[in-house]
């Protein structure tokens, strides 16, 4: 059975993001082995002085016991990605971009010699080929019709591509801007989720 990693950031009460995550899990649960990562309950460690320098310049694979403990969250999140056949990332958009917690997860999983490498000719190569990703994105504004750029979608897509994972996005945009259309926006997103589940499994 294929393995699916579901990564969710849905802190708001009545979260539309959570509704979409729940829909995916309901439709896919019997078809795949799901690992669920709640970024609200278990946020990634930020890359700060001690752990960042260990990751960049540490003695891997000869870390001390204390260093391994300090980096345990980092290693676990990378391994979840490596073990998965499919990845679902669900998140709202904050201020035209990614919530800080979601960006911290991305910064944790995009790691040289783990999920990407530099080739002998100096090019980059993703090490996660053969996987697929689905992004469930919720935004208050409908950026498909606005002149304001949003950086959420291209940032996630580029990072997944960089580590070798093609991604597609289902966008529930406009849930604040068009409150009278919220039910339709969410229903349409759920219908798209059903199609992806049928394609994947």
Protein backbone atom coordinates (compact mmCIF):
# COMPACT_ATOMS: atom_id res chain seq x y z
CA UNK A 1 0.00 0.00 0.00
CA UNK A 2 1.27 3.45 -0.88
CA UNK A 3 2.28 5.80 1.92
CA UNK A 4 0.93 9.32 2.12
CA UNK A 5 2.24 12.12 4.31
CA UNK A 6 -0.44 14.69 5.16
CA UNK A 7 1.01 17.94 6.51
CA UNK A 8 -1.59 20.34 7.89
CA UNK A 9 -1.49 23.85 9.30
CA UNK A 10 -5.03 24.79 10.33
CA UNK A 11 -5.00 26.77 13.59
CA UNK A 12 -8.19 28.79 13.11
CA UNK A 13 -11.49 27.69 14.65
CA UNK A 14 -13.82 26.65 11.86
CA UNK A 15 -10.84 26.34 9.53
CA UNK A 16 -11.63 25.80 5.86
CA UNK A 17 -8.16 24.28 5.52
CA UNK A 18 -9.11 21.62 8.06
CA UNK A 19 -12.30 20.90 6.12
CA UNK A 20 -10.24 20.16 3.02
CA UNK A 21 -7.73 18.03 4.93
CA UNK A 22 -10.55 16.05 6.53
CA UNK A 23 -12.10 15.50 3.11
CA UNK A 24 -8.84 14.14 1.70
CA UNK A 25 -8.36 11.80 4.66
CA UNK A 26 -11.97 10.57 4.48
CA UNK A 27 -11.62 9.75 0.78
CA UNK A 28 -8.11 8.27 0.91
CA UNK A 29 -7.92 6.58 4.30
CA UNK A 30 -8.81 3.10 3.07
CA UNK A 31 -6.57 3.39 0.00
CA UNK A 32 -3.24 4.48 1.49
CA UNK A 33 -1.23 4.39 4.70
CA UNK A 34 -1.47 7.94 6.08
CA UNK A 35 1.04 9.67 8.34
CA UNK A 36 -0.52 12.88 9.69
CA UNK A 37 1.66 15.81 10.73
CA UNK A 38 -0.16 18.64 12.52
CA UNK A 39 2.13 21.66 12.29
CA UNK A 40 0.06 23.46 14.92
CA UNK A 41 0.53 20.75 17.55
CA UNK A 42 4.04 19.79 16.44
CA UNK A 43 5.74 22.78 14.79
CA UNK A 44 9.19 22.33 13.23
CA UNK A 45 12.20 23.57 15.10
CA UNK A 46 13.34 26.90 13.71
CA UNK A 47 16.78 26.88 12.14
CA UNK A 48 18.68 28.92 14.71
CA UNK A 49 22.32 29.09 15.76
CA UNK A 50 22.98 25.71 17.32
CA UNK A 51 20.92 23.41 15.15
CA UNK A 52 21.58 25.25 11.86
CA UNK A 53 25.33 25.14 12.35
CA UNK A 54 25.15 21.46 13.24
CA UNK A 55 23.20 20.76 10.06
CA UNK A 56 25.61 22.75 7.89
CA UNK A 57 28.92 21.96 9.55
CA UNK A 58 28.25 19.12 11.95
CA UNK A 59 29.91 15.76 12.08
CA UNK A 60 27.22 13.81 10.29
CA UNK A 61 27.00 10.86 10.51
CA UNK A 62 29.16 11.09 13.62
CA UNK A 63 26.98 13.36 15.71
CA UNK A 64 27.24 13.03 19.47
CA UNK A 65 24.26 11.72 21.41
CA UNK A 66 23.42 15.24 22.54
CA UNK A 67 23.64 16.58 18.96
CA UNK A 68 21.41 13.80 17.66
CA UNK A 69 18.82 14.68 20.29
CA UNK A 70 19.00 18.35 19.34
CA UNK A 71 18.41 17.47 15.68
CA UNK A 72 15.81 14.73 16.26
CA UNK A 73 12.92 16.88 15.01
CA UNK A 74 14.90 17.81 11.91
CA UNK A 75 15.77 14.19 11.10
CA UNK A 76 12.21 12.99 11.71
CA UNK A 77 10.62 15.51 9.35
CA UNK A 78 13.06 14.70 6.56
CA UNK A 79 12.51 10.97 7.01
CA UNK A 80 8.75 11.40 6.76
CA UNK A 81 9.20 12.97 3.32
CA UNK A 82 11.66 10.31 2.20
CA UNK A 83 9.33 7.51 3.33
CA UNK A 84 6.23 8.89 1.59
CA UNK A 85 5.02 8.10 -1.91
CA UNK A 86 2.65 11.08 -1.90
CA UNK A 87 2.60 14.30 0.11
CA UNK A 88 -0.38 16.53 0.88
CA UNK A 89 0.38 19.99 2.26
CA UNK A 90 -2.62 21.98 3.49
CA UNK A 91 -2.35 25.58 4.60
CA UNK A 92 -4.03 28.97 4.56
CA UNK A 93 -2.30 31.93 2.99
CA UNK A 94 -1.05 34.65 5.33
CA UNK A 95 -0.27 38.12 3.94
CA UNK A 96 0.23 36.88 0.37
CA UNK A 97 2.67 34.14 1.42
CA UNK A 98 3.27 31.11 3.63
CA UNK A 99 2.60 31.06 7.37
CA UNK A 100 5.92 31.05 9.22
CA UNK A 101 5.33 27.53 10.55
CA UNK A 102 4.79 26.15 7.05
CA UNK A 103 7.91 27.91 5.78
CA UNK A 104 9.83 26.38 8.70
CA UNK A 105 8.69 22.92 7.58
CA UNK A 106 9.87 23.60 4.03
CA UNK A 107 13.22 24.90 5.31
CA UNK A 108 13.59 21.68 7.29
CA UNK A 109 12.93 19.29 4.42
CA UNK A 110 14.94 21.02 1.68
CA UNK A 111 18.38 19.76 2.70
CA UNK A 112 21.50 19.10 0.66
CA UNK A 113 22.46 15.43 0.32
CA UNK A 114 19.09 14.44 1.80
CA UNK A 115 16.41 15.74 -0.55
CA UNK A 116 18.61 17.44 -3.16
CA UNK A 117 22.21 17.24 -4.29
CA UNK A 118 24.74 19.25 -6.26
CA UNK A 119 26.05 17.33 -9.25
CA UNK A 120 29.66 17.25 -10.43
CA UNK A 121 28.88 19.88 -13.06
CA UNK A 122 27.44 22.21 -10.44
CA UNK A 123 23.76 21.71 -11.17
CA UNK A 124 21.07 20.83 -8.65
CA UNK A 125 19.30 17.48 -8.64
CA UNK A 126 16.23 16.57 -6.61
CA UNK A 127 16.55 13.30 -4.72
CA UNK A 128 12.82 12.73 -4.20
CA UNK A 129 11.83 11.73 -7.72
CA UNK A 130 8.91 9.32 -8.07
CA UNK A 131 6.79 11.09 -5.46
CA UNK A 132 3.78 13.36 -6.00
CA UNK A 133 2.53 16.34 -4.00
CA UNK A 134 -0.83 18.02 -3.59
CA UNK A 135 -1.17 21.49 -2.08
CA UNK A 136 -4.50 22.43 -0.50
CA UNK A 137 -4.47 26.23 -0.35
CA UNK A 138 -7.04 28.50 1.27
CA UNK A 139 -7.06 32.29 0.97
CA UNK A 140 -9.45 35.05 1.95
CA UNK A 141 -8.91 36.87 -1.33
CA UNK A 142 -9.42 35.58 -4.84
CA UNK A 143 -5.97 36.20 -6.25
CA UNK A 144 -6.85 34.73 -9.62
CA UNK A 145 -8.80 37.94 -10.25
CA UNK A 146 -6.65 40.44 -8.35
CA UNK A 147 -3.70 42.49 -9.56
CA UNK A 148 -1.91 41.83 -6.25
CA UNK A 149 0.66 39.06 -6.54
CA UNK A 150 0.65 36.18 -4.10
CA UNK A 151 3.83 34.25 -3.31
CA UNK A 152 2.33 31.28 -1.50
CA UNK A 153 1.69 29.17 -4.59
CA UNK A 154 4.98 29.67 -6.47
CA UNK A 155 7.07 29.29 -3.31
CA UNK A 156 5.63 25.88 -2.44
CA UNK A 157 5.66 24.68 -6.05
CA UNK A 158 9.29 25.72 -6.58
CA UNK A 159 10.51 24.05 -3.40
CA UNK A 160 8.75 20.79 -4.21
CA UNK A 161 10.15 20.87 -7.76
CA UNK A 162 13.63 21.61 -6.41
CA UNK A 163 13.68 18.33 -4.48
CA UNK A 164 12.24 16.41 -7.42
CA UNK A 165 8.53 16.32 -6.59
CA UNK A 166 5.95 17.57 -9.10
CA UNK A 167 2.99 19.20 -7.38
CA UNK A 168 -0.51 20.33 -8.14
CA UNK A 169 -2.60 22.79 -6.17
CA UNK A 170 -6.26 22.95 -5.29
CA UNK A 171 -7.10 26.53 -4.35
CA UNK A 172 -10.05 27.60 -2.25
CA UNK A 173 -9.51 31.31 -2.79
CA UNK A 174 -11.95 34.09 -1.97
CA UNK A 175 -13.53 32.68 1.21
CA UNK A 176 -13.54 36.14 2.82
CA UNK A 177 -13.91 38.26 -0.29
CA UNK A 178 -16.93 36.28 -1.50
CA UNK A 179 -18.58 35.11 1.71
CA UNK A 180 -21.84 34.41 -0.10
CA UNK A 181 -19.97 31.89 -2.26
CA UNK A 182 -18.04 30.07 0.49
CA UNK A 183 -20.09 26.87 0.30
CA UNK A 184 -19.56 26.70 -3.46
CA UNK A 185 -15.82 27.44 -3.18
CA UNK A 186 -15.32 24.67 -0.61
CA UNK A 187 -17.56 22.22 -2.46
CA UNK A 188 -15.63 22.77 -5.69
CA UNK A 189 -12.33 22.19 -3.86
CA UNK A 190 -13.66 18.97 -2.34
CA UNK A 191 -14.72 17.74 -5.79
CA UNK A 192 -11.19 18.39 -7.06
CA UNK A 193 -9.75 16.50 -4.08
CA UNK A 194 -11.91 13.51 -4.98
CA UNK A 195 -10.50 13.53 -8.52
CA UNK A 196 -6.91 13.57 -7.22
CA UNK A 197 -7.61 10.67 -4.85
CA UNK A 198 -9.03 8.66 -7.76
CA UNK A 199 -5.93 9.46 -9.87
CA UNK A 200 -3.42 8.68 -7.14
CA UNK A 201 -4.89 5.47 -5.76
